[in-house]
Amino acid sequence: MKLTSDIKLAGMNITYRHLPMTRFLDDMVSLGFTEVELWGGAPHFYSEDITQTDISVMRMTLAERGLSLVCFTPEQCLYPINIASADKAMRERSIDFFRRNIEITVELGCDLMLVTPGRGYVDEDAGEAAKRSIAALIELTATAERQSVRLGLEVLRRDESDIVYNLKTLKEMVDSVDSPSLGALLDTIPMALAGEEPADYLDTFEKKLFHIHFIDGAPHGHLAWGDGILDAQEYLRQIKDSGYSGSLSLEITDARYSGNPFPAFRQSVDRLKAIKL
């Protein structure tokens, strides 16, 4: 679904986590979406549960509906995934988890996977956790480069990560890893909470801004557009003026929508398509 000649809007299945995957896909087609971001979580598509057949079926199911996969996002914000963990077993398990999901990204015919930086203990220097995250990302980008996969490092809220939570810390992490396969992934909620705007990220990262999670907030919450206080028109103007030609995913996760997510997507589409740029 095009918002401008260059910018496309993508649906994301995390909002449908209490409904069948096919319900999500059919709803997106009915709204006119041609792109989706795949959240790799149970019961839809969790990497620890799926088989090679499941991967093939997912790819075929998307193709049958004319849907392109713009980003694969394995579930990683809940226990037990944390590449910055001080616990060696947890950290190594997390790295192995991402390596497997890079392979799945390739098998899905996609070239972009979302990664998060993890976090340290609340009573330790965040710099130590950042070092562990950087070391893990160096390992993962080596794998990604061999597989021709880009990794989008997502900026998080301060309560989600003590090492990457604004433009400055995201830039420091991307620069420290220094890999052509690692770029930035912007989420408008932590961005707004940090007092920043899309132009700050677009100007800083340019072509290394791989993807955007584009949702409303108050400013907390991953809300449907119109249910929060963020300025969609100004954000879209900044994105358009920057020359960004990627996709914007509707990562609507607030629990209020989980029982009946379709109206949240329809409302967001109507609001965004009504904006004149």
C-alpha atoms as a PDB file:
ATOM      1  CA  MET A   1       0.000   0.000   0.000  1.00  0.00           C
ATOM      2  CA  LYS A   2       1.603   3.233  -1.148  1.00  0.00           C
ATOM      3  CA  LEU A   3       1.367   6.420   0.916  1.00  0.00           C
ATOM      4  CA  THR A   4       3.593   8.292  -1.550  1.00  0.00           C
ATOM      5  CA  SER A   5       5.400   7.261  -4.719  1.00  0.00           C
ATOM      6  CA  ASP A   6       8.298   6.006  -2.575  1.00  0.00           C
ATOM      7  CA  ILE A   7       6.840   5.108   0.833  1.00  0.00           C
ATOM      8  CA  LYS A   8       4.805   1.975   1.469  1.00  0.00           C
ATOM      9  CA  LEU A   9       2.741   0.966   4.485  1.00  0.00           C
ATOM     10  CA  ALA A  10       3.063  -2.593   5.820  1.00  0.00           C
ATOM     11  CA  GLY A  11       0.883  -4.596   8.178  1.00  0.00           C
ATOM     12  CA  MET A  12       2.305  -6.623  11.073  1.00  0.00           C
ATOM     13  CA  ASN A  13       0.803  -9.769  12.561  1.00  0.00           C
ATOM     14  CA  ILE A  14       1.746  -9.186  16.203  1.00  0.00           C
ATOM     15  CA  THR A  15      -1.622  -7.458  16.671  1.00  0.00           C
ATOM     16  CA  TYR A  16      -3.290 -10.717  15.613  1.00  0.00           C
ATOM     17  CA  ARG A  17      -1.392 -12.911  18.079  1.00  0.00           C
ATOM     18  CA  HIS A  18      -4.668 -14.301  19.482  1.00  0.00           C
ATOM     19  CA  LEU A  19      -6.064 -15.102  16.031  1.00  0.00           C
ATOM     20  CA  PRO A  20      -4.978 -17.402  13.176  1.00  0.00           C
ATOM     21  CA  MET A  21      -2.264 -16.154  10.840  1.00  0.00           C
ATOM     22  CA  THR A  22      -4.555 -16.553   7.847  1.00  0.00           C
ATOM     23  CA  ARG A  23      -7.029 -14.135   9.436  1.00  0.00           C
ATOM     24  CA  PHE A  24      -4.291 -11.498   9.578  1.00  0.00           C
ATOM     25  CA  LEU A  25      -3.203 -12.066   5.988  1.00  0.00           C
ATOM     26  CA  ASP A  26      -6.733 -11.973   4.602  1.00  0.00           C
ATOM     27  CA  ASP A  27      -7.537  -8.807   6.538  1.00  0.00           C
ATOM     28  CA  MET A  28      -4.416  -7.092   5.201  1.00  0.00           C
ATOM     29  CA  VAL A  29      -5.321  -8.018   1.625  1.00  0.00           C
ATOM     30  CA  SER A  30      -8.849  -6.677   2.139  1.00  0.00           C
ATOM     31  CA  LEU A  31      -7.393  -3.331   3.242  1.00  0.00           C
ATOM     32  CA  GLY A  32      -5.132  -3.099   0.203  1.00  0.00           C
ATOM     33  CA  PHE A  33      -1.778  -3.970   1.774  1.00  0.00           C
ATOM     34  CA  THR A  34       0.870  -5.449  -0.506  1.00  0.00           C
ATOM     35  CA  GLU A  35       3.618  -5.698   2.143  1.00  0.00           C
ATOM     36  CA  VAL A  36       3.799  -7.212   5.613  1.00  0.00           C
ATOM     37  CA  GLU A  37       6.306  -7.529   8.427  1.00  0.00           C
ATOM     38  CA  LEU A  38       6.296 -11.011   9.918  1.00  0.00           C
ATOM     39  CA  TRP A  39       6.444 -11.228  13.708  1.00  0.00           C
ATOM     40  CA  GLY A  40       8.030 -14.575  14.460  1.00  0.00           C
ATOM     41  CA  GLY A  41       6.155 -15.490  17.595  1.00  0.00           C
ATOM     42  CA  ALA A  42       3.827 -18.264  18.753  1.00  0.00           C
ATOM     43  CA  PRO A  43       1.340 -19.348  17.634  1.00  0.00           C
ATOM     44  CA  HIS A  44       2.016 -17.902  14.193  1.00  0.00           C
ATOM     45  CA  PHE A  45       5.661 -18.597  13.348  1.00  0.00           C
ATOM     46  CA  TYR A  46       8.027 -19.179  16.271  1.00  0.00           C
ATOM     47  CA  SER A  47      11.457 -20.370  15.163  1.00  0.00           C
ATOM     48  CA  GLU A  48      11.796 -22.928  17.965  1.00  0.00           C
ATOM     49  CA  ASP A  49       8.614 -24.685  16.811  1.00  0.00           C
ATOM     50  CA  ILE A  50       8.514 -24.423  13.020  1.00  0.00           C
ATOM     51  CA  THR A  51       9.771 -26.959  10.478  1.00  0.00           C
ATOM     52  CA  GLN A  52      11.174 -26.508   6.978  1.00  0.00           C
ATOM     53  CA  THR A  53       7.707 -27.323   5.703  1.00  0.00           C
ATOM     54  CA  ASP A  54       6.253 -24.507   7.807  1.00  0.00           C
ATOM     55  CA  ILE A  55       8.724 -22.070   6.265  1.00  0.00           C
ATOM     56  CA  SER A  56       7.845 -23.189   2.747  1.00  0.00           C
ATOM     57  CA  VAL A  57       4.129 -22.962   3.493  1.00  0.00           C
ATOM     58  CA  MET A  58       4.508 -19.440   4.909  1.00  0.00           C
ATOM     59  CA  ARG A  59       6.385 -18.276   1.836  1.00  0.00           C
ATOM     60  CA  MET A  60       3.750 -19.838  -0.438  1.00  0.00           C
ATOM     61  CA  THR A  61       0.886 -18.408   1.629  1.00  0.00           C
ATOM     62  CA  LEU A  62       2.278 -14.893   1.282  1.00  0.00           C
ATOM     63  CA  ALA A  63       2.868 -15.304  -2.447  1.00  0.00           C
ATOM     64  CA  GLU A  64      -0.652 -16.610  -3.048  1.00  0.00           C
ATOM     65  CA  ARG A  65      -2.029 -13.384  -1.600  1.00  0.00           C
ATOM     66  CA  GLY A  66       0.387 -11.127  -3.455  1.00  0.00           C
ATOM     67  CA  LEU A  67       2.099 -10.059  -0.237  1.00  0.00           C
ATOM     68  CA  SER A  68       5.800  -9.190  -0.031  1.00  0.00           C
ATOM     69  CA  LEU A  69       7.753  -9.721   3.187  1.00  0.00           C
ATOM     70  CA  VAL A  70       9.663  -6.537   4.064  1.00  0.00           C
ATOM     71  CA  CYS A  71      11.056  -7.556   7.465  1.00  0.00           C
ATOM     72  CA  PHE A  72      11.239 -10.656   9.645  1.00  0.00           C
ATOM     73  CA  THR A  73      10.999  -9.911  13.370  1.00  0.00           C
ATOM     74  CA  PRO A  74      11.579 -12.972  15.562  1.00  0.00           C
ATOM     75  CA  GLU A  75      10.074 -12.524  19.026  1.00  0.00           C
ATOM     76  CA  GLN A  76      12.944 -11.410  21.256  1.00  0.00           C
ATOM     77  CA  CYS A  77      11.736  -8.895  23.824  1.00  0.00           C
ATOM     78  CA  LEU A  78      10.545 -11.547  26.248  1.00  0.00           C
ATOM     79  CA  TYR A  79      12.530 -14.126  28.230  1.00  0.00           C
ATOM     80  CA  PRO A  80      14.924 -15.763  27.400  1.00  0.00           C
ATOM     81  CA  ILE A  81      16.547 -13.709  24.583  1.00  0.00           C
ATOM     82  CA  ASN A  82      19.168 -11.112  25.535  1.00  0.00           C
ATOM     83  CA  ILE A  83      22.447 -10.733  23.637  1.00  0.00           C
ATOM     84  CA  ALA A  84      23.761  -8.320  26.296  1.00  0.00           C
ATOM     85  CA  SER A  85      23.152 -10.654  29.222  1.00  0.00           C
ATOM     86  CA  ALA A  86      25.930 -11.131  31.755  1.00  0.00           C
ATOM     87  CA  ASP A  87      24.869 -14.776  31.967  1.00  0.00           C
ATOM     88  CA  LYS A  88      27.012 -16.665  29.457  1.00  0.00           C
ATOM     89  CA  ALA A  89      24.475 -19.412  28.758  1.00  0.00           C
ATOM     90  CA  MET A  90      21.688 -16.918  28.103  1.00  0.00           C
ATOM     91  CA  ARG A  91      23.899 -14.782  25.877  1.00  0.00           C
ATOM     92  CA  GLU A  92      25.133 -17.731  23.819  1.00  0.00           C
ATOM     93  CA  ARG A  93      21.607 -19.120  23.487  1.00  0.00           C
ATOM     94  CA  SER A  94      20.473 -15.711  22.257  1.00  0.00           C
ATOM     95  CA  ILE A  95      23.227 -15.526  19.651  1.00  0.00           C
ATOM     96  CA  ASP A  96      22.364 -19.024  18.423  1.00  0.00           C
ATOM     97  CA  PHE A  97      18.692 -18.011  18.293  1.00  0.00           C
ATOM     98  CA  PHE A  98      19.477 -15.079  16.022  1.00  0.00           C
ATOM     99  CA  ARG A  99      21.779 -17.143  13.816  1.00  0.00           C
ATOM    100  CA  ARG A 100      18.936 -19.578  13.204  1.00  0.00           C
ATOM    101  CA  ASN A 101      16.547 -16.732  12.472  1.00  0.00           C
ATOM    102  CA  ILE A 102      18.954 -15.230   9.944  1.00  0.00           C
ATOM    103  CA  GLU A 103      18.736 -18.566   8.119  1.00  0.00           C
ATOM    104  CA  ILE A 104      14.944 -18.440   8.317  1.00  0.00           C
ATOM    105  CA  THR A 105      14.969 -14.894   6.928  1.00  0.00           C
ATOM    106  CA  VAL A 106      16.830 -16.157   3.865  1.00  0.00           C
ATOM    107  CA  GLU A 107      14.513 -19.145   3.494  1.00  0.00           C
ATOM    108  CA  LEU A 108      11.534 -16.791   3.563  1.00  0.00           C
ATOM    109  CA  GLY A 109      13.019 -14.827   0.671  1.00  0.00           C
ATOM    110  CA  CYS A 110      13.512 -11.734   2.826  1.00  0.00           C
ATOM    111  CA  ASP A 111      16.680  -9.659   3.246  1.00  0.00           C
ATOM    112  CA  LEU A 112      15.911  -7.769   6.488  1.00  0.00           C
ATOM    113  CA  MET A 113      15.681  -9.043  10.069  1.00  0.00           C
ATOM    114  CA  LEU A 114      15.057  -7.010  13.204  1.00  0.00           C
ATOM    115  CA  VAL A 115      17.412  -7.337  16.172  1.00  0.00           C
ATOM    116  CA  THR A 116      17.341  -5.684  19.575  1.00  0.00           C
ATOM    117  CA  PRO A 117      20.389  -4.757  21.671  1.00  0.00           C
ATOM    118  CA  GLY A 118      19.417  -6.469  24.906  1.00  0.00           C
ATOM    119  CA  ARG A 119      20.088  -5.044  28.353  1.00  0.00           C
ATOM    120  CA  GLY A 120      22.307  -5.458  31.377  1.00  0.00           C
ATOM    121  CA  TYR A 121      21.619  -5.868  35.067  1.00  0.00           C
ATOM    122  CA  VAL A 122      20.117  -2.760  36.643  1.00  0.00           C
ATOM    123  CA  ASP A 123      22.938  -2.609  39.202  1.00  0.00           C
ATOM    124  CA  GLU A 124      25.832  -2.773  36.711  1.00  0.00           C
ATOM    125  CA  ASP A 125      27.460  -0.196  34.472  1.00  0.00           C
ATOM    126  CA  ALA A 126      25.480  -0.055  31.228  1.00  0.00           C
ATOM    127  CA  GLY A 127      28.782   0.236  29.398  1.00  0.00           C
ATOM    128  CA  GLU A 128      29.606  -3.368  30.267  1.00  0.00           C
ATOM    129  CA  ALA A 129      26.300  -4.557  28.837  1.00  0.00           C
ATOM    130  CA  ALA A 130      26.936  -2.473  25.723  1.00  0.00           C
ATOM    131  CA  LYS A 131      30.289  -4.228  25.231  1.00  0.00           C
ATOM    132  CA  ARG A 132      28.589  -7.615  25.367  1.00  0.00           C
ATOM    133  CA  SER A 133      25.928  -6.473  22.915  1.00  0.00           C
ATOM    134  CA  ILE A 134      28.539  -5.139  20.498  1.00  0.00           C
ATOM    135  CA  ALA A 135      30.504  -8.394  20.652  1.00  0.00           C
ATOM    136  CA  ALA A 136      27.350 -10.396  19.936  1.00  0.00           C
ATOM    137  CA  LEU A 137      26.345  -8.120  17.065  1.00  0.00           C
ATOM    138  CA  ILE A 138      29.804  -8.461  15.519  1.00  0.00           C
ATOM    139  CA  GLU A 139      29.280 -12.235  15.478  1.00  0.00           C
ATOM    140  CA  LEU A 140      25.780 -11.907  14.055  1.00  0.00           C
ATOM    141  CA  THR A 141      26.693  -9.406  11.362  1.00  0.00           C
ATOM    142  CA  ALA A 142      29.414 -11.762  10.143  1.00  0.00           C
ATOM    143  CA  THR A 143      26.727 -14.404   9.655  1.00  0.00           C
ATOM    144  CA  ALA A 144      24.350 -11.874   8.099  1.00  0.00           C
ATOM    145  CA  GLU A 145      26.968 -10.653   5.620  1.00  0.00           C
ATOM    146  CA  ARG A 146      27.578 -14.202   4.395  1.00  0.00           C
ATOM    147  CA  GLN A 147      23.827 -14.662   3.923  1.00  0.00           C
ATOM    148  CA  SER A 148      23.242 -11.214   2.330  1.00  0.00           C
ATOM    149  CA  VAL A 149      20.847 -10.279   5.119  1.00  0.00           C
ATOM    150  CA  ARG A 150      20.569  -6.816   6.632  1.00  0.00           C
ATOM    151  CA  LEU A 151      20.057  -6.489  10.385  1.00  0.00           C
ATOM    152  CA  GLY A 152      17.951  -3.575  11.588  1.00  0.00           C
ATOM    153  CA  LEU A 153      18.923  -2.638  15.156  1.00  0.00           C
ATOM    154  CA  GLU A 154      15.812  -1.247  16.814  1.00  0.00           C
ATOM    155  CA  VAL A 155      15.867   1.667  19.223  1.00  0.00           C
ATOM    156  CA  LEU A 156      13.948   0.765  22.398  1.00  0.00           C
ATOM    157  CA  ARG A 157      12.428   2.556  25.388  1.00  0.00           C
ATOM    158  CA  ARG A 158      14.538   3.157  28.500  1.00  0.00           C
ATOM    159  CA  ASP A 159      12.511   0.539  30.379  1.00  0.00           C
ATOM    160  CA  GLU A 160      13.283  -2.017  27.641  1.00  0.00           C
ATOM    161  CA  SER A 161      17.018  -1.411  27.238  1.00  0.00           C
ATOM    162  CA  ASP A 162      19.626   0.495  29.207  1.00  0.00           C
ATOM    163  CA  ILE A 163      22.053   0.555  26.269  1.00  0.00           C
ATOM    164  CA  VAL A 164      20.100   1.661  23.159  1.00  0.00           C
ATOM    165  CA  TYR A 165      17.218   4.013  23.937  1.00  0.00           C
ATOM    166  CA  ASN A 166      17.696   7.134  21.774  1.00  0.00           C
ATOM    167  CA  LEU A 167      19.430   8.382  18.639  1.00  0.00           C
ATOM    168  CA  LYS A 168      22.802   8.901  20.332  1.00  0.00           C
ATOM    169  CA  THR A 169      23.040   5.406  21.816  1.00  0.00           C
ATOM    170  CA  LEU A 170      21.755   3.764  18.623  1.00  0.00           C
ATOM    171  CA  LYS A 171      24.345   5.597  16.536  1.00  0.00           C
ATOM    172  CA  GLU A 172      27.123   4.631  18.958  1.00  0.00           C
ATOM    173  CA  MET A 173      26.141   0.955  18.748  1.00  0.00           C
ATOM    174  CA  VAL A 174      25.880   0.880  14.947  1.00  0.00           C
ATOM    175  CA  ASP A 175      29.212   2.696  14.611  1.00  0.00           C
ATOM    176  CA  SER A 176      30.925   0.390  17.113  1.00  0.00           C
ATOM    177  CA  VAL A 177      29.866  -2.744  15.239  1.00  0.00           C
ATOM    178  CA  ASP A 178      30.851  -1.115  11.933  1.00  0.00           C
ATOM    179  CA  SER A 179      29.306  -3.620   9.556  1.00  0.00           C
ATOM    180  CA  PRO A 180      27.629  -2.953   6.203  1.00  0.00           C
ATOM    181  CA  SER A 181      24.930  -5.431   7.217  1.00  0.00           C
ATOM    182  CA  LEU A 182      23.919  -3.499  10.363  1.00  0.00           C
ATOM    183  CA  GLY A 183      21.698  -0.442  10.183  1.00  0.00           C
ATOM    184  CA  ALA A 184      19.096   1.372  12.232  1.00  0.00           C
ATOM    185  CA  LEU A 185      15.453   0.516  12.753  1.00  0.00           C
ATOM    186  CA  LEU A 186      13.327   3.402  13.996  1.00  0.00           C
ATOM    187  CA  ASP A 187      10.305   2.979  16.255  1.00  0.00           C
ATOM    188  CA  THR A 188       8.247   6.145  16.692  1.00  0.00           C
ATOM    189  CA  ILE A 189       7.379   5.404  20.333  1.00  0.00           C
ATOM    190  CA  PRO A 190      10.867   5.345  21.924  1.00  0.00           C
ATOM    191  CA  MET A 191      11.752   8.151  19.511  1.00  0.00           C
ATOM    192  CA  ALA A 192       8.929  10.340  20.842  1.00  0.00           C
ATOM    193  CA  LEU A 193       9.689   9.428  24.459  1.00  0.00           C
ATOM    194  CA  ALA A 194      13.274  10.595  23.884  1.00  0.00           C
ATOM    195  CA  GLY A 195      12.017  13.945  22.539  1.00  0.00           C
ATOM    196  CA  GLU A 196      13.198  13.177  19.006  1.00  0.00           C
ATOM    197  CA  GLU A 197      11.653  13.247  15.531  1.00  0.00           C
ATOM    198  CA  PRO A 198      12.010  11.107  12.389  1.00  0.00           C
ATOM    199  CA  ALA A 199      14.215  13.730  10.726  1.00  0.00           C
ATOM    200  CA  ASP A 200      16.845  13.236  13.447  1.00  0.00           C
ATOM    201  CA  TYR A 201      17.229   9.568  12.493  1.00  0.00           C
ATOM    202  CA  LEU A 202      16.799  10.107   8.764  1.00  0.00           C
ATOM    203  CA  ASP A 203      19.509  12.784   8.675  1.00  0.00           C
ATOM    204  CA  THR A 204      21.888  10.750  10.842  1.00  0.00           C
ATOM    205  CA  PHE A 205      21.579   7.334   9.215  1.00  0.00           C
ATOM    206  CA  GLU A 206      20.437   8.195   5.668  1.00  0.00           C
ATOM    207  CA  LYS A 207      20.522   4.901   3.691  1.00  0.00           C
ATOM    208  CA  LYS A 208      21.497   3.012   6.854  1.00  0.00           C
ATOM    209  CA  LEU A 209      18.001   3.553   8.235  1.00  0.00           C
ATOM    210  CA  PHE A 210      16.627   0.215   7.086  1.00  0.00           C
ATOM    211  CA  HIS A 211      13.046   0.264   8.352  1.00  0.00           C
ATOM    212  CA  ILE A 212      10.493   2.175  10.446  1.00  0.00           C
ATOM    213  CA  HIS A 213       7.853   1.042  12.940  1.00  0.00           C
ATOM    214  CA  PHE A 214       5.250   3.747  12.445  1.00  0.00           C
ATOM    215  CA  ILE A 215       2.634   3.908  15.191  1.00  0.00           C
ATOM    216  CA  ASP A 216       0.777   6.413  17.332  1.00  0.00           C
ATOM    217  CA  GLY A 217       1.322   6.817  21.063  1.00  0.00           C
ATOM    218  CA  ALA A 218       0.293   8.929  24.035  1.00  0.00           C
ATOM    219  CA  PRO A 219       3.301   8.994  23.883  1.00  0.00           C
ATOM    220  CA  HIS A 220       3.549   5.501  25.450  1.00  0.00           C
ATOM    221  CA  GLY A 221       1.771   2.603  23.814  1.00  0.00           C
ATOM    222  CA  HIS A 222       1.867   1.218  20.307  1.00  0.00           C
ATOM    223  CA  LEU A 223      -1.497   2.564  19.222  1.00  0.00           C
ATOM    224  CA  ALA A 224      -3.580   2.802  16.081  1.00  0.00           C
ATOM    225  CA  TRP A 225      -3.231   6.166  14.386  1.00  0.00           C
ATOM    226  CA  GLY A 226      -5.770   8.556  15.869  1.00  0.00           C
ATOM    227  CA  ASP A 227      -5.726   6.969  19.322  1.00  0.00           C
ATOM    228  CA  GLY A 228      -2.623   8.843  20.491  1.00  0.00           C
ATOM    229  CA  ILE A 229      -1.097  12.304  20.315  1.00  0.00           C
ATOM    230  CA  LEU A 230       1.715  11.943  17.777  1.00  0.00           C
ATOM    231  CA  ASP A 231       1.757  14.096  14.635  1.00  0.00           C
ATOM    232  CA  ALA A 232       1.434  11.672  11.723  1.00  0.00           C
ATOM    233  CA  GLN A 233       1.316  14.438   9.124  1.00  0.00           C
ATOM    234  CA  GLU A 234       4.543  16.063  10.308  1.00  0.00           C
ATOM    235  CA  TYR A 235       6.278  12.704  10.660  1.00  0.00           C
ATOM    236  CA  LEU A 236       5.278  11.703   7.129  1.00  0.00           C
ATOM    237  CA  ARG A 237       6.409  15.054   5.778  1.00  0.00           C
ATOM    238  CA  GLN A 238       9.847  14.563   7.318  1.00  0.00           C
ATOM    239  CA  ILE A 239      10.062  11.014   5.980  1.00  0.00           C
ATOM    240  CA  LYS A 240       9.015  12.088   2.483  1.00  0.00           C
ATOM    241  CA  ASP A 241      11.381  15.088   2.419  1.00  0.00           C
ATOM    242  CA  SER A 242      14.322  12.881   3.421  1.00  0.00           C
ATOM    243  CA  GLY A 243      13.971  10.709   0.330  1.00  0.00           C
ATOM    244  CA  TYR A 244      13.351   7.584   2.422  1.00  0.00           C
ATOM    245  CA  SER A 245      12.099   4.846   0.132  1.00  0.00           C
ATOM    246  CA  GLY A 246      11.506   2.017   2.584  1.00  0.00           C
ATOM    247  CA  SER A 247       8.422   0.735   4.338  1.00  0.00           C
ATOM    248  CA  LEU A 248       6.539   1.840   7.436  1.00  0.00           C
ATOM    249  CA  SER A 249       5.124  -1.020   9.521  1.00  0.00           C
ATOM    250  CA  LEU A 250       2.052  -0.679  11.713  1.00  0.00           C
ATOM    251  CA  GLU A 251       3.382  -2.381  14.859  1.00  0.00           C
ATOM    252  CA  ILE A 252       0.151  -1.995  16.827  1.00  0.00           C
ATOM    253  CA  THR A 253       0.619  -3.952  20.064  1.00  0.00           C
ATOM    254  CA  ASP A 254      -1.631  -2.400  22.716  1.00  0.00           C
ATOM    255  CA  ALA A 255      -3.809  -5.045  24.389  1.00  0.00           C
ATOM    256  CA  ARG A 256      -6.993  -3.064  23.714  1.00  0.00           C
ATOM    257  CA  TYR A 257      -6.890  -4.239  20.092  1.00  0.00           C
ATOM    258  CA  SER A 258      -6.053  -7.915  20.579  1.00  0.00           C
ATOM    259  CA  GLY A 259      -9.616  -9.231  20.565  1.00  0.00           C
ATOM    260  CA  ASN A 260     -10.590  -7.453  17.347  1.00  0.00           C
ATOM    261  CA  PRO A 261      -7.557  -5.903  15.618  1.00  0.00           C
ATOM    262  CA  PHE A 262      -9.078  -5.219  12.199  1.00  0.00           C
ATOM    263  CA  PRO A 263     -10.681  -1.846  13.123  1.00  0.00           C
ATOM    264  CA  ALA A 264      -7.304  -0.571  14.394  1.00  0.00           C
ATOM    265  CA  PHE A 265      -5.700  -1.254  11.022  1.00  0.00           C
ATOM    266  CA  ARG A 266      -8.638   0.151   9.089  1.00  0.00           C
ATOM    267  CA  GLN A 267      -8.585   3.310  11.217  1.00  0.00           C
ATOM    268  CA  SER A 268      -4.825   3.712  10.774  1.00  0.00           C
ATOM    269  CA  VAL A 269      -5.043   3.231   7.013  1.00  0.00           C
ATOM    270  CA  ASP A 270      -7.882   5.737   6.707  1.00  0.00           C
ATOM    271  CA  ARG A 271      -6.050   8.332   8.815  1.00  0.00           C
ATOM    272  CA  LEU A 272      -2.746   7.988   6.993  1.00  0.00           C
ATOM    273  CA  LYS A 273      -4.201   7.893   3.481  1.00  0.00           C
ATOM    274  CA  ALA A 274      -6.178  11.068   4.224  1.00  0.00           C
ATOM    275  CA  ILE A 275      -2.976  13.030   4.875  1.00  0.00           C
ATOM    276  CA  LYS A 276      -1.978  15.316   2.008  1.00  0.00           C
ATOM    277  CA  LEU A 277       1.777  15.664   1.532  1.00  0.00           C
END
